[in-house]
C-alpha cells in the first residue's frame, strides 16, 4: 500500500479497535505524522503493510490518545 493508504488504514483501525469517531482518529494520525512518527514509512514504502498498520494503530493510540476527563468529585 502507499504511504497515504497506510495512514488511512491506521485511522480506520483506530476507529474500529477503539470505537473512536473518524475525525478523532484522523486527528490522532495527523498528530503522529506531525511528530514524525511515520517518517520511516515515507522513506521506505515496504514498511506500509497491513500488519504494520495494525501495530501502528495501537502505538499511535497509546502515545497520542486524548487525556481522559476527570469527573467532578462529590463533596
C-alpha atoms as a PDB file:
ATOM      1  CA  UNK A   1       0.000   0.000   0.000  1.00  0.00           C
ATOM      2  CA  UNK A   2       1.111   3.584  -0.471  1.00  0.00           C
ATOM      3  CA  UNK A   3       2.087   5.881   2.383  1.00  0.00           C
ATOM      4  CA  UNK A   4      -1.264   7.694   2.152  1.00  0.00           C
ATOM      5  CA  UNK A   5      -3.173   4.390   2.119  1.00  0.00           C
ATOM      6  CA  UNK A   6      -1.211   3.310   5.176  1.00  0.00           C
ATOM      7  CA  UNK A   7      -2.228   6.444   7.083  1.00  0.00           C
ATOM      8  CA  UNK A   8      -5.860   5.881   6.057  1.00  0.00           C
ATOM      9  CA  UNK A   9      -5.688   2.273   7.234  1.00  0.00           C
ATOM     10  CA  UNK A  10      -4.191   3.294  10.583  1.00  0.00           C
ATOM     11  CA  UNK A  11      -7.040   5.793  11.045  1.00  0.00           C
ATOM     12  CA  UNK A  12      -9.624   3.178  10.116  1.00  0.00           C
ATOM     13  CA  UNK A  13      -8.148   0.629  12.508  1.00  0.00           C
ATOM     14  CA  UNK A  14      -8.169   3.162  15.344  1.00  0.00           C
ATOM     15  CA  UNK A  15     -11.888   3.769  14.765  1.00  0.00           C
ATOM     16  CA  UNK A  16     -12.569   0.028  14.721  1.00  0.00           C
ATOM     17  CA  UNK A  17     -10.371  -1.069  17.629  1.00  0.00           C
ATOM     18  CA  UNK A  18     -11.014   1.859  19.976  1.00  0.00           C
ATOM     19  CA  UNK A  19     -14.507   2.856  18.773  1.00  0.00           C
ATOM     20  CA  UNK A  20     -13.429   6.416  18.107  1.00  0.00           C
ATOM     21  CA  UNK A  21     -15.146   8.767  15.697  1.00  0.00           C
ATOM     22  CA  UNK A  22     -13.460   9.188  12.316  1.00  0.00           C
ATOM     23  CA  UNK A  23     -12.475  12.806  12.989  1.00  0.00           C
ATOM     24  CA  UNK A  24     -10.819  11.906  16.284  1.00  0.00           C
ATOM     25  CA  UNK A  25      -8.879   9.022  14.741  1.00  0.00           C
ATOM     26  CA  UNK A  26      -7.693  11.183  11.848  1.00  0.00           C
ATOM     27  CA  UNK A  27      -6.629  13.857  14.344  1.00  0.00           C
ATOM     28  CA  UNK A  28      -4.508  11.277  16.218  1.00  0.00           C
ATOM     29  CA  UNK A  29      -2.842  10.152  12.996  1.00  0.00           C
ATOM     30  CA  UNK A  30      -2.217  13.775  11.988  1.00  0.00           C
ATOM     31  CA  UNK A  31      -0.609  14.481  15.386  1.00  0.00           C
ATOM     32  CA  UNK A  32       1.583  11.413  14.997  1.00  0.00           C
ATOM     33  CA  UNK A  33       2.505  12.428  11.464  1.00  0.00           C
ATOM     34  CA  UNK A  34       3.405  15.963  12.586  1.00  0.00           C
ATOM     35  CA  UNK A  35       5.557  14.376  15.301  1.00  0.00           C
ATOM     36  CA  UNK A  36       7.408  12.340  12.594  1.00  0.00           C
ATOM     37  CA  UNK A  37       6.015   9.030  13.854  1.00  0.00           C
ATOM     38  CA  UNK A  38       5.613   7.874  10.252  1.00  0.00           C
ATOM     39  CA  UNK A  39       8.822   9.369   8.801  1.00  0.00           C
ATOM     40  CA  UNK A  40      10.369   5.950   8.190  1.00  0.00           C
ATOM     41  CA  UNK A  41       7.271   4.812   6.335  1.00  0.00           C
ATOM     42  CA  UNK A  42       7.586   7.644   3.822  1.00  0.00           C
ATOM     43  CA  UNK A  43      11.256   6.797   3.234  1.00  0.00           C
ATOM     44  CA  UNK A  44      10.676   3.028   2.927  1.00  0.00           C
ATOM     45  CA  UNK A  45       7.312   2.105   1.387  1.00  0.00           C
ATOM     46  CA  UNK A  46       7.892  -1.592   2.138  1.00  0.00           C
ATOM     47  CA  UNK A  47       7.009  -0.733   5.744  1.00  0.00           C
ATOM     48  CA  UNK A  48       3.462   0.126   4.659  1.00  0.00           C
ATOM     49  CA  UNK A  49       1.805  -3.253   5.174  1.00  0.00           C
ATOM     50  CA  UNK A  50      -1.437  -4.351   6.806  1.00  0.00           C
ATOM     51  CA  UNK A  51       0.466  -5.944   9.660  1.00  0.00           C
ATOM     52  CA  UNK A  52       2.415  -2.743  10.293  1.00  0.00           C
ATOM     53  CA  UNK A  53      -0.780  -0.675  10.113  1.00  0.00           C
ATOM     54  CA  UNK A  54      -2.228  -2.790  12.911  1.00  0.00           C
ATOM     55  CA  UNK A  55       0.877  -2.254  15.052  1.00  0.00           C
ATOM     56  CA  UNK A  56       0.951   1.454  14.229  1.00  0.00           C
ATOM     57  CA  UNK A  57      -2.729   1.913  15.100  1.00  0.00           C
ATOM     58  CA  UNK A  58      -2.121   0.576  18.597  1.00  0.00           C
ATOM     59  CA  UNK A  59       1.096   2.564  19.046  1.00  0.00           C
ATOM     60  CA  UNK A  60      -0.447   5.816  17.800  1.00  0.00           C
ATOM     61  CA  UNK A  61      -3.471   5.407  20.051  1.00  0.00           C
ATOM     62  CA  UNK A  62      -1.316   4.634  23.067  1.00  0.00           C
ATOM     63  CA  UNK A  63       1.007   7.580  22.501  1.00  0.00           C
ATOM     64  CA  UNK A  64      -1.394  10.238  21.178  1.00  0.00           C
ATOM     65  CA  UNK A  65      -4.797   9.421  22.677  1.00  0.00           C
ATOM     66  CA  UNK A  66      -6.612  12.332  24.258  1.00  0.00           C
ATOM     67  CA  UNK A  67      -6.413  12.633  28.014  1.00  0.00           C
ATOM     68  CA  UNK A  68      -9.429  11.367  29.877  1.00  0.00           C
ATOM     69  CA  UNK A  69     -11.560  13.995  31.509  1.00  0.00           C
ATOM     70  CA  UNK A  70     -11.757  13.682  35.258  1.00  0.00           C
ATOM     71  CA  UNK A  71     -15.279  13.639  36.634  1.00  0.00           C
ATOM     72  CA  UNK A  72     -16.154  16.118  39.335  1.00  0.00           C
ATOM     73  CA  UNK A  73     -15.888  14.723  42.823  1.00  0.00           C
ATOM     74  CA  UNK A  74     -18.915  14.942  45.061  1.00  0.00           C
ATOM     75  CA  UNK A  75     -18.494  16.716  48.342  1.00  0.00           C
END
